[in-house]
């Protein structure tokens, strides 16, 4: 159990991904080898910054 969540919980997350907690999401992303980068808006707009989530 690489994620630390049982198969029943994983199935529920897959069926309804809007109901996953932040902690559970981090566990899943960690098991998949995904790295997150948090960015700050401090200092005004950065032309080299990636688009905001609202722009996806």
Protein backbone atom coordinates (compact mmCIF):
# COMPACT_ATOMS: atom_id res chain seq x y z
CA UNK A 1 0.00 0.00 0.00
CA UNK A 2 2.28 2.72 -1.32
CA UNK A 3 -0.26 5.53 -0.83
CA UNK A 4 -1.29 4.69 2.71
CA UNK A 5 -4.98 4.56 1.75
CA UNK A 6 -6.97 1.36 1.36
CA UNK A 7 -8.45 0.30 -1.98
CA UNK A 8 -11.98 1.21 -0.86
CA UNK A 9 -10.94 4.84 -0.25
CA UNK A 10 -9.04 5.01 -3.56
CA UNK A 11 -12.16 3.74 -5.38
CA UNK A 12 -14.29 6.42 -3.68
CA UNK A 13 -11.79 9.13 -4.69
CA UNK A 14 -11.80 7.87 -8.28
CA UNK A 15 -15.62 7.88 -8.34
CA UNK A 16 -15.90 11.34 -6.77
CA UNK A 17 -12.59 13.25 -6.98
CA UNK A 18 -14.16 16.42 -5.59
CA UNK A 19 -14.36 14.71 -2.18
CA UNK A 20 -10.63 14.02 -1.71
CA UNK A 21 -8.97 15.81 1.21
CA UNK A 22 -5.81 17.83 0.73
CA UNK A 23 -3.89 15.34 2.87
CA UNK A 24 -5.10 12.38 0.83
CA UNK A 25 -4.31 14.22 -2.40
CA UNK A 26 -0.74 14.84 -1.21
CA UNK A 27 -0.36 11.14 -0.34
CA UNK A 28 -1.50 10.13 -3.82
CA UNK A 29 0.71 12.70 -5.56
CA UNK A 30 3.69 11.62 -3.45
CA UNK A 31 3.15 7.97 -4.38
CA UNK A 32 3.07 9.00 -8.05
CA UNK A 33 6.31 10.97 -7.69
CA UNK A 34 4.65 14.30 -8.43
CA UNK A 35 6.34 17.40 -7.04
CA UNK A 36 4.36 20.56 -6.34
CA UNK A 37 5.69 24.09 -6.52
CA UNK A 38 3.86 26.83 -4.64
CA UNK A 39 4.15 30.29 -6.12
CA UNK A 40 3.47 33.68 -4.57
CA UNK A 41 1.96 36.80 -6.12
CA UNK A 42 3.99 39.08 -3.83
CA UNK A 43 5.79 41.81 -5.70
CA UNK A 44 3.31 42.19 -8.52
CA UNK A 45 2.87 40.28 -11.76
CA UNK A 46 5.72 38.19 -13.07
CA UNK A 47 5.73 37.88 -16.87
CA UNK A 48 7.62 34.57 -16.62
CA UNK A 49 5.18 33.06 -14.11
CA UNK A 50 2.99 30.18 -15.26
CA UNK A 51 -0.72 30.90 -15.75
CA UNK A 52 -2.90 30.97 -12.66
CA UNK A 53 -5.17 27.99 -11.98
CA UNK A 54 -8.17 30.11 -12.98
CA UNK A 55 -6.60 30.49 -16.45
CA UNK A 56 -6.27 26.73 -17.09
